[in-house]
């Protein structure tokens, strides 16, 4: 299988979707891969492309040629030959929550009370799954505004990614939960019913009446936006399963990341999300699978000293050259074993998605747009190598 064949599949995948969610284990280069895919898609497929990242490294901003990546979309220079335009943004959770309140509050008075609420100012963007929910909300908002032909989303590591994808439903469940009803009932009705009275007596002793009152007021205000949350969470869930959205899992073929990636792929399929592609990062080059190269390496490993004597007859001491040849041959054979294992794993993983892209070990970290474009060439099969 050549890199060009698998790469064209990934290029076509990005050309035919409106939202592409890059996900996978931590530490496998997912954020950089997502940025490279977005940059190369804008350059060769055209259109307006946005890469929205959750937690970019400082060097990613440098690679994109930006002083910083913020909540607002910023255009990234791709050069004069690019067919399209690239934009980048980083999710600012607190600011995005403020925008969410402004959008869903039923009236101006409620909106201002929520935004001015001390508890909201302290915990907005920090309570359970708020970051995940507002990220999905932001993607939905960007998509419905229609300013971009393609939105590329870089997600948190896959250990939390299923929670990330289910955040809209979980947030709606929270705002309609029995716990929240018990917490806010006396402040909503001004009367404590018999069922919730023991709960409030215990809570008062532990938290204090004023603190409990502040919490209840905060959630009462938020419950005024309940229907907006529910409606939007359902719309977000539909969009994630829509034919316009696909998921690309990024991983290496090392043990722990690969196990996480497999679990995540299973979770996607179980929840009926579309698995469009797999990117395998830091793979060994295909020449390790060449039988002729393997035979030559085995020959060097077994006959290093004699080969050195034949190759360098005028050298006084061929022992050192022989040891070098033997070490090179043995190293190649060891890498060939690993490469064969990688090939078996690639065939296994390639059964599910539409596209599989391979990225070899690169000689240096991505530090500029040229590096991102080189990485994008591997993703799209434009590097001329094999996989």
Protein backbone atom coordinates (compact mmCIF):
# COMPACT_ATOMS: atom_id res chain seq x y z
CA UNK A 1 0.00 0.00 0.00
CA UNK A 2 1.49 3.32 -0.99
CA UNK A 3 1.26 6.50 0.98
CA UNK A 4 -0.21 8.18 -2.08
CA UNK A 5 -3.16 5.79 -2.15
CA UNK A 6 -4.01 6.11 1.53
CA UNK A 7 -3.19 9.83 1.56
CA UNK A 8 -5.54 10.63 -1.32
CA UNK A 9 -8.26 8.97 0.72
CA UNK A 10 -7.65 11.39 3.59
CA UNK A 11 -7.50 14.34 1.21
CA UNK A 12 -10.83 13.34 -0.31
CA UNK A 13 -12.30 12.76 3.14
CA UNK A 14 -11.55 16.34 4.17
CA UNK A 15 -12.82 17.63 0.82
CA UNK A 16 -16.22 15.96 1.24
CA UNK A 17 -16.94 16.77 4.91
CA UNK A 18 -17.80 19.96 6.77
CA UNK A 19 -16.57 18.94 10.23
CA UNK A 20 -13.60 16.64 10.83
CA UNK A 21 -12.90 15.74 14.45
CA UNK A 22 -9.32 14.63 15.16
CA UNK A 23 -9.12 12.53 18.30
CA UNK A 24 -6.89 9.95 19.94
CA UNK A 25 -4.48 9.30 22.81
CA UNK A 26 -2.35 12.00 24.35
CA UNK A 27 1.25 12.46 23.28
CA UNK A 28 0.87 11.14 19.72
CA UNK A 29 1.04 14.49 17.89
CA UNK A 30 -2.72 14.87 17.43
CA UNK A 31 -2.85 18.67 17.67
CA UNK A 32 -0.03 19.09 15.16
CA UNK A 33 -1.57 16.51 12.82
CA UNK A 34 -4.94 18.32 12.95
CA UNK A 35 -3.28 21.66 12.16
CA UNK A 36 -1.27 20.12 9.31
CA UNK A 37 -4.39 18.49 7.84
CA UNK A 38 -6.27 21.79 7.98
CA UNK A 39 -3.38 23.73 6.44
CA UNK A 40 -2.87 21.24 3.60
CA UNK A 41 -6.61 21.02 2.95
CA UNK A 42 -6.85 24.79 2.61
CA UNK A 43 -3.80 24.83 0.34
CA UNK A 44 -4.77 22.02 -2.06
CA UNK A 45 -8.54 21.53 -1.65
CA UNK A 46 -9.32 25.22 -1.33
CA UNK A 47 -12.13 26.94 0.56
CA UNK A 48 -12.13 28.55 3.97
CA UNK A 49 -10.79 26.17 6.62
CA UNK A 50 -10.78 26.68 10.40
CA UNK A 51 -8.71 24.62 12.82
CA UNK A 52 -10.16 24.89 16.33
CA UNK A 53 -7.82 23.48 18.93
CA UNK A 54 -8.57 22.80 22.58
CA UNK A 55 -5.12 23.11 24.13
CA UNK A 56 -2.42 23.97 21.61
CA UNK A 57 1.26 23.90 22.42
CA UNK A 58 3.16 27.17 22.20
CA UNK A 59 5.17 25.79 19.27
CA UNK A 60 1.96 25.25 17.30
CA UNK A 61 1.27 28.99 17.37
CA UNK A 62 4.86 29.51 16.21
CA UNK A 63 4.42 26.96 13.41
CA UNK A 64 1.28 28.75 12.26
CA UNK A 65 3.16 32.06 12.28
CA UNK A 66 0.95 33.56 14.97
CA UNK A 67 1.98 35.47 18.08
CA UNK A 68 -0.74 33.55 19.93
CA UNK A 69 -3.89 31.55 19.29
CA UNK A 70 -7.01 33.01 20.87
CA UNK A 71 -10.75 32.52 21.04
CA UNK A 72 -11.30 34.65 17.93
CA UNK A 73 -10.49 33.13 14.57
CA UNK A 74 -7.24 34.49 13.13
CA UNK A 75 -6.16 34.05 9.53
CA UNK A 76 -2.93 32.16 8.92
CA UNK A 77 -0.75 32.96 5.91
CA UNK A 78 -0.39 30.00 3.54
CA UNK A 79 1.55 31.68 0.75
CA UNK A 80 0.58 32.85 -2.72
CA UNK A 81 0.03 29.41 -4.25
CA UNK A 82 -2.63 28.26 -1.78
CA UNK A 83 -6.08 27.65 -3.26
CA UNK A 84 -7.91 28.49 -0.04
CA UNK A 85 -7.57 30.30 3.28
CA UNK A 86 -6.71 28.95 6.74
CA UNK A 87 -7.91 30.29 10.09
CA UNK A 88 -7.01 29.14 13.61
CA UNK A 89 -8.62 29.54 17.03
CA UNK A 90 -8.21 28.14 20.53
CA UNK A 91 -11.20 27.52 22.77
CA UNK A 92 -11.42 30.03 25.64
CA UNK A 93 -13.83 28.25 27.98
CA UNK A 94 -14.86 31.18 30.18
CA UNK A 95 -15.39 33.56 27.28
CA UNK A 96 -17.33 30.91 25.38
CA UNK A 97 -19.57 30.38 28.41
CA UNK A 98 -20.27 34.12 28.52
CA UNK A 99 -21.27 33.99 24.85
CA UNK A 100 -23.45 30.97 25.59
CA UNK A 101 -25.26 32.81 28.40
CA UNK A 102 -25.86 35.82 26.16
CA UNK A 103 -27.31 33.53 23.51
CA UNK A 104 -29.58 31.40 25.71
CA UNK A 105 -30.70 33.72 28.53
CA UNK A 106 -34.47 34.31 28.24
CA UNK A 107 -34.19 38.06 28.79
CA UNK A 108 -31.68 40.81 29.41
CA UNK A 109 -32.25 40.92 33.18
CA UNK A 110 -31.57 37.20 33.62
CA UNK A 111 -28.52 37.44 31.37
CA UNK A 112 -26.99 40.24 33.42
CA UNK A 113 -27.78 38.50 36.72
CA UNK A 114 -26.03 35.34 35.56
CA UNK A 115 -22.97 37.17 34.24
CA UNK A 116 -22.72 39.21 37.46
CA UNK A 117 -23.28 36.24 39.76
CA UNK A 118 -20.18 35.73 41.95
CA UNK A 119 -20.47 31.96 41.85
CA UNK A 120 -20.77 31.98 38.07
CA UNK A 121 -17.68 34.16 37.76
CA UNK A 122 -15.72 31.73 39.94
CA UNK A 123 -16.81 28.41 38.48
CA UNK A 124 -17.94 29.17 34.93
CA UNK A 125 -15.96 26.86 32.72
CA UNK A 126 -14.79 24.76 35.68
CA UNK A 127 -17.68 22.54 36.70
CA UNK A 128 -17.95 19.00 35.40
CA UNK A 129 -17.83 18.70 31.59
CA UNK A 130 -18.42 22.41 31.03
CA UNK A 131 -15.29 22.62 28.89
CA UNK A 132 -16.43 19.69 26.76
CA UNK A 133 -19.95 21.01 26.39
CA UNK A 134 -18.95 24.52 25.40
CA UNK A 135 -16.46 23.14 22.85
CA UNK A 136 -19.24 21.21 21.14
CA UNK A 137 -21.47 24.26 21.38
CA UNK A 138 -18.76 26.41 19.77
CA UNK A 139 -18.34 23.98 16.88
CA UNK A 140 -22.09 23.94 16.32
CA UNK A 141 -22.26 27.74 16.37
CA UNK A 142 -19.38 28.10 13.91
CA UNK A 143 -20.92 25.52 11.61
CA UNK A 144 -24.38 27.07 11.59
CA UNK A 145 -22.95 30.53 10.87
CA UNK A 146 -21.59 29.07 7.63
CA UNK A 147 -18.40 31.11 7.39
CA UNK A 148 -16.19 28.06 6.80
CA UNK A 149 -16.25 25.24 4.29
CA UNK A 150 -14.40 22.95 6.70
CA UNK A 151 -13.98 22.99 10.49
CA UNK A 152 -11.16 20.82 11.85
CA UNK A 153 -11.51 20.15 15.58
CA UNK A 154 -8.62 19.01 17.76
CA UNK A 155 -10.05 17.26 20.82
CA UNK A 156 -8.71 16.31 24.27
CA UNK A 157 -6.90 12.96 24.65
CA UNK A 158 -9.14 9.92 24.08
CA UNK A 159 -9.16 8.91 27.75
CA UNK A 160 -11.82 11.61 28.09
CA UNK A 161 -12.93 11.86 24.47
CA UNK A 162 -16.10 9.78 24.75
CA UNK A 163 -17.19 12.05 27.63
CA UNK A 164 -16.29 14.96 25.39
CA UNK A 165 -18.63 13.71 22.65
CA UNK A 166 -21.44 12.94 25.08
CA UNK A 167 -21.15 16.26 26.94
CA UNK A 168 -24.25 17.84 25.33
CA UNK A 169 -26.53 15.03 26.53
CA UNK A 170 -24.89 14.93 29.96
CA UNK A 171 -25.22 18.68 30.44
CA UNK A 172 -28.93 18.51 29.62
CA UNK A 173 -29.34 15.59 32.03
CA UNK A 174 -27.62 17.59 34.77
CA UNK A 175 -29.95 20.57 34.44
CA UNK A 176 -32.97 18.26 34.69
CA UNK A 177 -31.57 16.03 37.45
CA UNK A 178 -33.32 15.15 40.69
CA UNK A 179 -30.34 16.52 42.66
CA UNK A 180 -30.73 19.94 41.07
CA UNK A 181 -34.48 19.93 41.67
CA UNK A 182 -33.92 19.14 45.36
CA UNK A 183 -31.26 21.83 45.63
CA UNK A 184 -33.37 24.58 44.11
CA UNK A 185 -36.88 23.54 45.24
CA UNK A 186 -37.08 25.62 48.46
CA UNK A 187 -35.76 28.72 46.73
CA UNK A 188 -38.07 28.24 43.79
CA UNK A 189 -41.21 27.51 45.85
CA UNK A 190 -40.18 29.25 49.09
CA UNK A 191 -41.37 26.11 50.85
CA UNK A 192 -39.32 23.03 51.63
CA UNK A 193 -41.23 19.83 51.02
CA UNK A 194 -40.86 16.89 53.36
CA UNK A 195 -38.86 14.86 50.89
CA UNK A 196 -36.10 17.46 50.42
CA UNK A 197 -36.00 18.85 53.99
CA UNK A 198 -33.45 16.27 55.33
CA UNK A 199 -31.19 16.96 52.38
CA UNK A 200 -31.20 20.70 53.05
CA UNK A 201 -30.70 20.27 56.79
CA UNK A 202 -27.54 18.25 56.16
CA UNK A 203 -26.36 20.59 53.39
CA UNK A 204 -26.90 23.63 55.61
CA UNK A 205 -24.70 22.14 58.34
CA UNK A 206 -21.92 21.21 55.90
CA UNK A 207 -21.95 24.17 53.50
CA UNK A 208 -23.69 26.93 55.39
CA UNK A 209 -27.03 28.51 54.57
CA UNK A 210 -25.63 31.47 52.62
CA UNK A 211 -23.40 29.33 50.43
CA UNK A 212 -26.24 26.92 49.73
CA UNK A 213 -28.47 29.86 48.88
CA UNK A 214 -25.85 31.23 46.48
CA UNK A 215 -25.56 27.86 44.75
CA UNK A 216 -29.32 27.55 44.46
CA UNK A 217 -29.64 31.05 43.00
CA UNK A 218 -26.91 30.28 40.49
CA UNK A 219 -28.59 27.13 39.26
CA UNK A 220 -32.04 28.70 39.32
CA UNK A 221 -30.74 31.33 36.94
CA UNK A 222 -29.16 28.65 34.78
CA UNK A 223 -32.34 26.59 34.74
CA UNK A 224 -34.03 29.51 33.02
CA UNK A 225 -31.88 28.55 30.03
CA UNK A 226 -32.75 24.86 30.32
CA UNK A 227 -34.82 24.58 27.15
CA UNK A 228 -32.15 26.35 25.14
CA UNK A 229 -29.55 23.91 26.45
CA UNK A 230 -31.72 20.90 25.66
CA UNK A 231 -32.60 22.07 22.17
CA UNK A 232 -29.02 22.90 21.31
CA UNK A 233 -27.60 19.71 22.83
CA UNK A 234 -29.94 17.66 20.66
CA UNK A 235 -28.95 19.69 17.60
CA UNK A 236 -25.24 19.21 18.41
CA UNK A 237 -25.74 15.46 18.85
CA UNK A 238 -27.51 15.24 15.49
CA UNK A 239 -24.70 17.18 13.81
CA UNK A 240 -22.02 14.88 15.25
CA UNK A 241 -23.79 11.89 13.68
CA UNK A 242 -24.64 13.69 10.45
CA UNK A 243 -23.06 12.64 7.14
CA UNK A 244 -21.30 16.04 7.07
CA UNK A 245 -19.21 15.08 10.13
CA UNK A 246 -16.50 12.46 10.40
CA UNK A 247 -13.85 11.41 12.92
CA UNK A 248 -10.15 10.75 12.37
CA UNK A 249 -8.26 8.83 15.06
CA UNK A 250 -4.57 9.71 15.48
CA UNK A 251 -2.25 7.24 17.21
CA UNK A 252 1.15 5.64 17.15
CA UNK A 253 1.63 1.88 16.94
CA UNK A 254 3.16 1.67 20.42
CA UNK A 255 1.35 -0.48 22.97
CA UNK A 256 -0.50 1.94 25.34
CA UNK A 257 -1.51 4.55 22.71
CA UNK A 258 -2.65 1.81 20.34
CA UNK A 259 -4.77 0.17 23.04
CA UNK A 260 -6.40 3.53 23.81
CA UNK A 261 -7.01 4.17 20.13
CA UNK A 262 -8.68 0.77 19.74
CA UNK A 263 -10.96 1.45 22.68
CA UNK A 264 -11.86 4.80 21.23
CA UNK A 265 -12.56 3.35 17.78
CA UNK A 266 -14.85 0.81 19.43
CA UNK A 267 -16.60 3.61 21.32
CA UNK A 268 -17.16 5.58 18.13
CA UNK A 269 -18.63 2.60 16.32
CA UNK A 270 -20.79 1.65 19.30
CA UNK A 271 -22.26 5.16 19.41
CA UNK A 272 -22.66 5.29 15.62
CA UNK A 273 -20.22 8.10 14.97
CA UNK A 274 -18.63 7.95 11.53
CA UNK A 275 -15.01 6.77 11.59
CA UNK A 276 -13.57 8.30 8.45
CA UNK A 277 -9.85 7.83 8.91
CA UNK A 278 -6.90 6.69 10.98
CA UNK A 279 -3.56 8.50 11.07
CA UNK A 280 -0.62 6.40 12.22
CA UNK A 281 2.17 8.67 13.37
CA UNK A 282 5.88 7.91 13.72
CA UNK A 283 5.87 4.77 11.60
CA UNK A 284 8.98 3.07 10.24
CA UNK A 285 9.76 3.53 6.53
CA UNK A 286 8.66 0.85 4.06
CA UNK A 287 12.20 -0.16 3.04
CA UNK A 288 12.41 -2.17 6.26
CA UNK A 289 9.87 -4.52 4.65
CA UNK A 290 11.91 -5.00 1.46
CA UNK A 291 12.98 -8.70 1.30
CA UNK A 292 16.16 -7.85 -0.62
CA UNK A 293 17.16 -5.26 1.97
CA UNK A 294 16.43 -7.73 4.75
CA UNK A 295 18.61 -10.40 3.10
CA UNK A 296 21.43 -7.91 2.63
CA UNK A 297 21.21 -6.89 6.30
CA UNK A 298 21.26 -10.50 7.45
CA UNK A 299 24.30 -11.08 5.27
CA UNK A 300 26.08 -8.09 6.81
CA UNK A 301 25.18 -9.27 10.33
CA UNK A 302 26.57 -12.77 9.79
CA UNK A 303 29.64 -11.94 7.67
CA UNK A 304 30.64 -8.45 8.81
CA UNK A 305 34.41 -9.13 9.29
CA UNK A 306 34.85 -11.03 6.01
CA UNK A 307 32.85 -8.42 4.10
CA UNK A 308 35.06 -5.71 5.59
CA UNK A 309 38.18 -7.61 4.53
CA UNK A 310 36.83 -7.95 0.98
CA UNK A 311 35.71 -4.32 0.79
CA UNK A 312 38.78 -2.75 2.41
CA UNK A 313 41.74 -5.04 1.57
CA UNK A 314 44.32 -2.27 2.13
CA UNK A 315 43.06 -1.40 5.60
CA UNK A 316 45.52 -2.60 8.30
CA UNK A 317 42.80 -3.47 10.79
CA UNK A 318 39.46 -4.55 9.34
CA UNK A 319 38.06 -5.73 12.69
CA UNK A 320 36.55 -2.32 13.51
CA UNK A 321 34.96 -2.02 10.04
CA UNK A 322 33.63 -5.57 10.42
CA UNK A 323 32.02 -4.74 13.75
CA UNK A 324 30.38 -1.65 12.23
CA UNK A 325 28.96 -3.66 9.33
CA UNK A 326 27.69 -6.37 11.68
CA UNK A 327 26.03 -3.79 13.96
CA UNK A 328 24.36 -2.07 10.99
CA UNK A 329 23.04 -5.39 9.72
CA UNK A 330 21.76 -6.48 13.14
CA UNK A 331 20.09 -3.09 13.74
CA UNK A 332 18.35 -3.26 10.36
CA UNK A 333 17.07 -6.76 11.13
CA UNK A 334 15.70 -5.63 14.49
CA UNK A 335 13.92 -2.68 12.86
CA UNK A 336 12.58 -5.02 10.17
CA UNK A 337 10.90 -7.15 12.84
CA UNK A 338 9.24 -4.05 14.31
CA UNK A 339 8.27 -2.85 10.83
CA UNK A 340 6.59 -6.17 10.07
CA UNK A 341 4.63 -5.96 13.30
CA UNK A 342 3.60 -2.40 12.37
CA UNK A 343 2.47 -3.62 8.95
CA UNK A 344 0.29 -6.32 10.55
CA UNK A 345 -1.25 -3.75 12.91
CA UNK A 346 -1.86 -1.34 10.02
CA UNK A 347 -3.73 -4.00 8.05
CA UNK A 348 -5.85 -4.76 11.10
CA UNK A 349 -6.67 -1.11 11.79
CA UNK A 350 -7.32 -0.29 8.13
CA UNK A 351 -10.38 -2.56 7.95
CA UNK A 352 -12.77 0.04 9.41
CA UNK A 353 -12.09 3.56 8.09
CA UNK A 354 -12.29 5.01 4.62
CA UNK A 355 -8.73 6.35 4.74
CA UNK A 356 -5.47 5.48 6.47
CA UNK A 357 -2.52 7.87 6.44
CA UNK A 358 0.99 7.07 7.58
CA UNK A 359 3.49 9.58 8.93
CA UNK A 360 7.11 8.43 9.25
CA UNK A 361 9.49 9.51 11.95
CA UNK A 362 10.44 13.05 10.98
CA UNK A 363 13.97 14.37 11.65
CA UNK A 364 12.82 17.40 13.66
CA UNK A 365 9.83 18.81 15.53
CA UNK A 366 7.38 20.93 13.60
CA UNK A 367 8.55 24.51 14.07
CA UNK A 368 7.11 26.49 11.15
CA UNK A 369 4.57 26.43 8.34
CA UNK A 370 7.01 24.58 6.07
CA UNK A 371 7.09 21.78 8.64
CA UNK A 372 3.30 21.70 8.85
CA UNK A 373 3.05 21.53 5.07
CA UNK A 374 5.58 18.68 4.94
CA UNK A 375 3.52 16.82 7.50
CA UNK A 376 0.41 17.56 5.45
CA UNK A 377 2.13 16.08 2.39
CA UNK A 378 2.50 12.80 4.24
CA UNK A 379 -1.14 12.93 5.33
CA UNK A 380 -2.34 13.57 1.77
CA UNK A 381 0.11 11.26 0.05
CA UNK A 382 1.94 14.09 -1.69
CA UNK A 383 5.40 13.24 -0.32
CA UNK A 384 6.21 10.67 -2.99
CA UNK A 385 7.15 8.05 -0.41
CA UNK A 386 5.67 4.66 0.25
CA UNK A 387 4.01 3.27 3.28
